[in-house]
N, C-alpha and C. Protein backbone atom coordinates (compact mmCIF):
# COMPACT_ATOMS: atom_id res chain seq x y z
N MET A 1 21.82 9.65 -16.03
CA MET A 1 21.04 9.10 -15.41
C MET A 1 21.57 8.39 -14.34
N PRO A 2 21.38 8.16 -13.27
CA PRO A 2 22.47 7.49 -12.29
C PRO A 2 21.48 5.87 -12.56
N ASP A 3 22.17 4.82 -12.02
CA ASP A 3 21.64 3.51 -12.38
C ASP A 3 20.93 3.11 -10.74
N ALA A 4 20.19 2.32 -11.26
CA ALA A 4 19.18 2.02 -9.48
C ALA A 4 20.52 1.10 -8.92
N LEU A 5 19.92 1.12 -7.76
CA LEU A 5 20.47 0.16 -6.81
C LEU A 5 19.60 -0.78 -6.91
N PRO A 6 20.28 -2.49 -6.69
CA PRO A 6 19.46 -3.90 -6.72
C PRO A 6 18.39 -3.59 -5.34
N ALA A 7 17.58 -4.07 -5.53
CA ALA A 7 16.68 -4.06 -4.44
C ALA A 7 16.51 -5.43 -3.92
N PRO A 8 17.21 -5.78 -2.40
CA PRO A 8 16.96 -7.05 -2.23
C PRO A 8 15.49 -7.71 -1.72
N ASP A 9 15.07 -8.77 -1.81
CA ASP A 9 14.21 -9.59 -1.68
C ASP A 9 13.54 -8.78 -0.20
N ASP A 10 14.03 -8.63 0.56
CA ASP A 10 13.76 -7.88 1.78
C ASP A 10 12.56 -6.27 1.48
N LEU A 11 13.34 -6.14 0.65
CA LEU A 11 13.33 -4.58 0.74
C LEU A 11 11.67 -4.80 -0.56
N VAL A 12 11.99 -5.90 -1.17
CA VAL A 12 10.59 -6.02 -2.39
C VAL A 12 9.44 -6.41 -1.75
N GLN A 13 9.81 -6.76 -0.57
CA GLN A 13 8.62 -7.63 0.38
C GLN A 13 7.99 -6.57 1.00
N LEU A 14 8.51 -5.88 1.49
CA LEU A 14 8.08 -4.56 2.19
C LEU A 14 7.45 -3.73 1.25
N GLN A 15 7.99 -3.27 0.00
CA GLN A 15 7.12 -2.72 -0.97
C GLN A 15 5.78 -3.18 -1.53
N ARG A 16 5.57 -4.98 -0.95
CA ARG A 16 4.54 -5.55 -1.97
C ARG A 16 3.49 -5.14 -0.28
N GLU A 17 4.16 -5.32 1.07
CA GLU A 17 2.83 -5.24 2.44
C GLU A 17 2.53 -3.56 2.14
N LEU A 18 3.20 -2.50 1.68
CA LEU A 18 2.85 -1.29 1.56
C LEU A 18 2.06 -1.31 0.28
N ASP A 19 2.22 -1.71 -0.75
CA ASP A 19 1.07 -1.87 -1.65
C ASP A 19 -0.25 -2.24 -1.55
N ALA A 20 -0.12 -3.45 -0.53
CA ALA A 20 -1.45 -4.25 0.02
C ALA A 20 -2.27 -3.51 1.11
N ALA A 21 -1.24 -2.60 1.79
CA ALA A 21 -1.81 -1.86 2.87
C ALA A 21 -2.36 -0.50 2.35
N ASP A 22 -1.95 0.38 1.33
CA ASP A 22 -2.40 1.24 1.14
C ASP A 22 -3.75 0.62 0.29
N ASN A 23 -3.58 -0.75 -0.86
CA ASN A 23 -5.15 -0.91 -0.97
C ASN A 23 -6.02 -1.36 0.14
N ALA A 24 -6.03 -1.69 0.73
CA ALA A 24 -6.63 -1.88 1.59
C ALA A 24 -7.13 -0.73 2.59
N LEU A 25 -6.93 0.70 2.75
CA LEU A 25 -6.68 1.79 3.00
C LEU A 25 -8.09 2.64 2.07
N ALA A 26 -7.44 1.98 0.93
CA ALA A 26 -8.33 2.63 -0.04
C ALA A 26 -9.41 2.18 -0.21
N ASP A 27 -9.11 0.82 -0.04
CA ASP A 27 -10.41 0.10 -0.49
C ASP A 27 -11.71 0.35 1.06
N PHE A 28 -11.13 0.31 2.16
CA PHE A 28 -12.10 0.59 3.06
C PHE A 28 -12.45 1.84 3.01
N ALA A 29 -11.73 3.00 2.51
CA ALA A 29 -12.27 4.39 2.57
C ALA A 29 -13.26 3.98 1.34
N GLN A 30 -13.45 3.38 0.42
CA GLN A 30 -14.40 3.28 -0.77
C GLN A 30 -15.52 3.12 -0.14
N SER A 31 -15.67 1.97 0.56
CA SER A 31 -16.72 0.88 0.81
C SER A 31 -17.40 1.88 2.07
N LYS A 32 -16.67 2.14 3.04
CA LYS A 32 -17.39 3.25 4.00
C LYS A 32 -17.98 4.73 3.24
N THR A 33 -17.46 5.24 2.43
CA THR A 33 -17.87 6.28 1.46
C THR A 33 -19.30 5.68 0.80
N ALA A 34 -19.21 4.30 -0.02
CA ALA A 34 -20.42 4.50 -0.77
C ALA A 34 -21.42 3.93 0.43
N GLU A 35 -20.76 2.94 1.70
CA GLU A 35 -22.15 2.36 2.52
C GLU A 35 -22.90 3.88 3.01
N TYR A 36 -22.18 4.67 3.76
CA TYR A 36 -22.48 5.78 4.11
C TYR A 36 -23.55 6.70 2.98
N ARG A 37 -23.17 6.82 1.68
CA ARG A 37 -24.24 7.30 0.85
C ARG A 37 -24.95 6.30 0.60
N ALA A 38 -25.09 5.22 0.63
CA ALA A 38 -26.73 4.54 0.38
C ALA A 38 -27.56 4.59 1.68
N ARG A 39 -26.62 4.78 2.70
CA ARG A 39 -27.67 4.87 4.13
C ARG A 39 -28.13 6.62 4.36
N PHE A 40 -27.74 7.62 3.35
CA PHE A 40 -28.01 8.91 4.01
C PHE A 40 -28.25 9.18 2.26
N PRO A 41 -29.06 8.92 1.39
CA PRO A 41 -28.80 9.34 -0.17
C PRO A 41 -29.05 11.05 -0.27
N GLU A 42 -30.13 11.97 0.65
CA GLU A 42 -30.31 12.76 0.14
C GLU A 42 -29.56 13.84 0.16
N PRO A 43 -29.51 14.87 -0.65
CA PRO A 43 -28.40 16.00 -0.27
C PRO A 43 -28.40 16.69 1.04
N ARG A 44 -29.38 16.71 1.55
CA ARG A 44 -29.57 17.36 2.86
C ARG A 44 -28.99 16.80 4.26
N GLN A 45 -28.29 15.21 3.72
CA GLN A 45 -28.22 14.25 4.68
C GLN A 45 -26.65 14.23 4.67
N ALA A 46 -26.17 15.36 4.14
CA ALA A 46 -24.42 15.28 3.96
C ALA A 46 -23.57 15.18 5.43
N LEU A 47 -24.13 15.73 6.10
CA LEU A 47 -23.58 15.82 7.54
C LEU A 47 -23.65 14.48 8.16
N GLN A 48 -24.98 13.48 7.78
CA GLN A 48 -24.94 12.00 8.32
C GLN A 48 -23.71 11.38 7.25
N ARG A 49 -23.45 11.78 6.28
CA ARG A 49 -22.82 10.76 5.68
C ARG A 49 -21.27 10.81 5.81
N ALA A 50 -21.08 12.01 6.70
CA ALA A 50 -19.59 12.24 6.75
C ALA A 50 -19.16 11.97 8.54
N ARG A 51 -20.43 11.71 9.15
CA ARG A 51 -20.05 10.96 10.85
C ARG A 51 -20.01 9.90 10.32
N TRP A 52 -18.78 8.99 10.25
CA TRP A 52 -18.11 7.91 10.21
C TRP A 52 -18.62 7.27 12.13
N THR A 53 -18.87 6.18 12.46
CA THR A 53 -18.77 5.19 13.96
C THR A 53 -17.60 5.47 14.30
N GLU A 54 -17.79 5.25 15.53
CA GLU A 54 -16.19 5.27 16.32
C GLU A 54 -15.35 4.17 15.75
N GLU A 55 -16.18 2.69 15.32
CA GLU A 55 -15.49 1.58 15.08
C GLU A 55 -15.08 2.19 13.55
N ASP A 56 -15.77 2.43 12.50
CA ASP A 56 -14.96 2.98 11.21
C ASP A 56 -13.66 3.79 11.32
N ILE A 57 -14.07 4.89 12.40
CA ILE A 57 -12.79 5.82 12.28
C ILE A 57 -11.89 5.52 12.71
N ALA A 58 -11.59 3.97 14.03
CA ALA A 58 -11.09 3.38 14.62
C ALA A 58 -9.86 2.78 13.46
N GLU A 59 -11.16 2.19 12.74
CA GLU A 59 -10.01 1.03 11.25
C GLU A 59 -9.37 1.89 10.60
N PHE A 60 -9.75 3.02 10.14
CA PHE A 60 -9.42 3.81 9.00
C PHE A 60 -7.78 3.99 9.55
N GLY A 61 -8.05 4.47 10.82
CA GLY A 61 -6.71 5.15 11.33
C GLY A 61 -5.56 3.73 11.49
N ARG A 62 -6.05 2.78 12.08
CA ARG A 62 -5.45 1.32 12.04
C ARG A 62 -4.71 1.19 10.72
N LEU A 63 -5.76 1.38 9.86
CA LEU A 63 -5.39 0.90 8.17
C LEU A 63 -4.38 2.07 7.69
N ARG A 64 -4.47 3.39 8.04
CA ARG A 64 -3.27 4.67 7.90
C ARG A 64 -2.36 4.50 8.82
N GLN A 65 -2.19 4.13 9.82
CA GLN A 65 -1.09 3.80 10.99
C GLN A 65 0.07 2.70 9.93
N ALA A 66 -0.97 1.63 9.63
CA ALA A 66 -0.38 0.47 9.09
C ALA A 66 0.56 0.68 7.66
N VAL A 67 -0.21 2.05 6.91
CA VAL A 67 0.33 2.26 5.63
C VAL A 67 1.82 3.19 6.19
N GLN A 68 1.61 4.26 6.76
CA GLN A 68 2.55 4.99 7.45
C GLN A 68 3.68 4.04 8.21
N ASP A 69 3.34 3.22 8.52
CA ASP A 69 4.98 2.55 9.31
C ASP A 69 5.28 1.94 8.25
N LEU A 70 4.70 1.21 7.23
CA LEU A 70 5.65 0.37 6.10
C LEU A 70 6.27 1.62 5.32
N ARG A 71 5.47 2.70 5.37
CA ARG A 71 6.28 3.78 4.24
C ARG A 71 7.85 3.96 5.14
N THR A 72 7.78 4.39 6.40
CA THR A 72 8.76 4.84 7.25
C THR A 72 9.91 3.68 6.93
N ALA A 73 9.49 2.19 7.37
CA ALA A 73 10.31 1.12 6.96
C ALA A 73 10.97 0.95 5.86
N VAL A 74 10.10 1.45 4.65
CA VAL A 74 10.99 1.50 3.45
C VAL A 74 12.22 2.44 3.40
N ARG A 75 11.37 3.56 3.87
CA ARG A 75 12.37 4.79 3.66
C ARG A 75 13.37 4.57 4.56
N GLN A 76 13.99 3.75 5.15
CA GLN A 76 14.86 3.68 6.45
C GLN A 76 15.79 2.43 6.06
N HIS A 77 15.10 2.10 5.32
CA HIS A 77 15.98 0.26 5.10
C HIS A 77 17.45 0.80 4.40
N PRO A 78 18.26 -0.02 4.30
CA PRO A 78 19.65 0.42 4.77
C PRO A 78 19.46 1.13 2.77
N THR A 79 18.88 -0.10 1.70
CA THR A 79 19.10 0.56 0.61
C THR A 79 18.64 1.55 0.49
N THR A 80 17.24 2.05 0.36
CA THR A 80 17.13 3.37 0.28
C THR A 80 17.51 4.20 0.79
N VAL A 81 18.09 4.23 1.88
CA VAL A 81 19.48 5.17 2.52
C VAL A 81 20.73 5.01 1.24
N ARG A 82 21.21 4.15 1.38
CA ARG A 82 22.06 4.23 0.09
C ARG A 82 21.81 4.54 -0.95
N ALA A 83 20.72 4.48 -1.45
CA ALA A 83 20.28 4.98 -2.73
C ALA A 83 20.11 6.85 -2.57
N HIS A 84 19.48 7.22 -1.39
CA HIS A 84 19.71 8.68 -1.27
C HIS A 84 20.92 9.38 -1.62
N ALA A 85 21.79 8.42 -0.62
CA ALA A 85 23.19 9.30 -0.43
C ALA A 85 23.79 9.05 -2.02
N ALA A 86 23.54 7.81 -2.74
CA ALA A 86 24.35 8.08 -4.04
C ALA A 86 23.30 8.65 -5.09
N GLY A 87 22.56 9.35 -4.70
CA GLY A 87 21.76 10.43 -5.65
C GLY A 87 21.03 9.10 -6.78
N CYS A 88 20.52 8.25 -6.41
CA CYS A 88 19.74 7.34 -7.23
C CYS A 88 18.25 6.89 -6.38
N ALA A 89 17.95 7.62 -5.82
CA ALA A 89 16.94 7.14 -4.92
C ALA A 89 15.71 6.66 -6.09
N ARG A 90 15.37 8.25 -7.01
CA ARG A 90 14.45 7.72 -8.04
C ARG A 90 13.92 6.56 -8.88
N GLU A 91 15.66 6.14 -8.93
CA GLU A 91 15.75 4.93 -9.99
C GLU A 91 15.45 3.74 -9.01
N THR A 92 15.91 3.65 -8.09
CA THR A 92 16.30 2.81 -6.79
C THR A 92 14.73 2.51 -6.77
N ALA A 93 14.23 3.77 -6.32
CA ALA A 93 12.38 3.30 -5.92
C ALA A 93 11.29 2.83 -6.92
N GLN A 94 11.82 3.48 -8.70
CA GLN A 94 10.86 2.78 -9.32
C GLN A 94 11.42 0.99 -9.57
N ALA A 95 12.57 0.82 -9.62
CA ALA A 95 12.89 -0.23 -9.63
C ALA A 95 12.51 -1.37 -8.92
N ARG A 96 12.59 -0.75 -7.19
CA ARG A 96 12.02 -1.86 -6.17
C ARG A 96 10.52 -2.04 -6.82
N LYS A 97 9.74 -0.86 -6.93
CA LYS A 97 8.27 -1.16 -7.49
C LYS A 97 7.88 -1.77 -8.35
N THR A 98 8.85 -1.69 -9.42
CA THR A 98 8.66 -2.81 -10.62
C THR A 98 9.07 -4.60 -10.43
N ALA A 99 9.60 -4.41 -9.43
CA ALA A 99 9.99 -5.55 -8.44
C ALA A 99 8.92 -6.14 -8.21
N ALA A 100 8.24 -4.88 -7.07
CA ALA A 100 7.42 -5.98 -6.21
C ALA A 100 5.96 -6.30 -6.83
N ARG A 101 5.46 -5.40 -8.21
CA ARG A 101 4.75 -5.69 -8.98
C ARG A 101 4.93 -7.07 -9.70
N ARG A 102 6.25 -7.07 -10.32
CA ARG A 102 6.44 -8.23 -11.45
C ARG A 102 6.01 -9.87 -9.90
N ARG A 103 6.71 -9.40 -8.81
CA ARG A 103 6.51 -10.12 -8.19
C ARG A 103 5.19 -10.51 -7.57
N ALA A 104 4.20 -9.98 -7.54
CA ALA A 104 2.98 -9.99 -6.95
C ALA A 104 2.19 -10.42 -8.25
N ASP A 105 2.61 -10.02 -9.48
CA ASP A 105 1.93 -11.05 -10.59
C ASP A 105 2.39 -11.87 -10.91
N ARG A 106 3.66 -12.43 -10.74
CA ARG A 106 3.39 -13.95 -10.58
C ARG A 106 2.89 -15.00 -9.52
N GLY A 107 2.85 -13.97 -8.28
CA GLY A 107 1.91 -14.84 -7.44
C GLY A 107 1.00 -15.27 -7.96
N GLN A 108 0.12 -14.76 -8.51
CA GLN A 108 -1.36 -14.62 -9.00
C GLN A 108 -1.43 -15.83 -9.76
N ASP A 109 -0.26 -16.66 -10.87
CA ASP A 109 -0.24 -17.68 -11.21
C ASP A 109 0.25 -18.19 -10.08
N ARG A 110 0.05 -18.60 -9.13
CA ARG A 110 0.26 -19.52 -8.33
C ARG A 110 -1.05 -20.01 -7.29
N SER A 111 -0.99 -21.42 -6.62
CA SER A 111 -2.10 -21.77 -5.69
C SER A 111 -1.93 -21.45 -4.71
N PRO A 112 -2.68 -21.51 -3.67
CA PRO A 112 -2.62 -21.02 -2.41
C PRO A 112 -1.71 -21.40 -1.77
N ASP A 113 -1.37 -23.19 -2.28
CA ASP A 113 0.10 -23.55 -1.09
C ASP A 113 1.41 -23.01 -2.00
N GLY A 114 1.21 -22.43 -2.87
CA GLY A 114 2.46 -21.63 -3.71
C GLY A 114 3.03 -22.44 -4.75
N SER A 115 2.31 -23.66 -5.33
CA SER A 115 2.52 -24.49 -6.37
C SER A 115 2.11 -23.79 -7.72
N PRO A 116 2.53 -23.79 -8.63
CA PRO A 116 2.41 -23.32 -10.11
C PRO A 116 0.84 -23.85 -10.22
N GLY A 117 -0.26 -22.49 -10.68
CA GLY A 117 -1.61 -22.70 -10.81
C GLY A 117 -1.80 -23.24 -12.25
N CYS A 118 -3.50 -23.52 -12.74
CA CYS A 118 -2.96 -23.82 -14.01
C CYS A 118 -3.04 -22.74 -15.10
């Protein structure tokens, strides 16, 4: 199994942004699904549940586009391109995701100003 290429800070940051955007998209979809289910609870109201407002559709599209743009940025990052050429794309992607999670976990132990929390 080939070794992963080191994930530079900017690529790890892109992964963190991608993870956050992915979570925002999923959270939005789940909240709207729950909202429409609560507004139209009857089985015969399935069509009403499926008809989101134009604003909701636009927001979903905006969030989805943000995810796509970040995926493209990660795919086109020089380290990702080199990893594909070297045959270690899977290992490098896993290392990048692990580093992003690790950094996110460390960030949760800090106060809003970035200093260590209690």
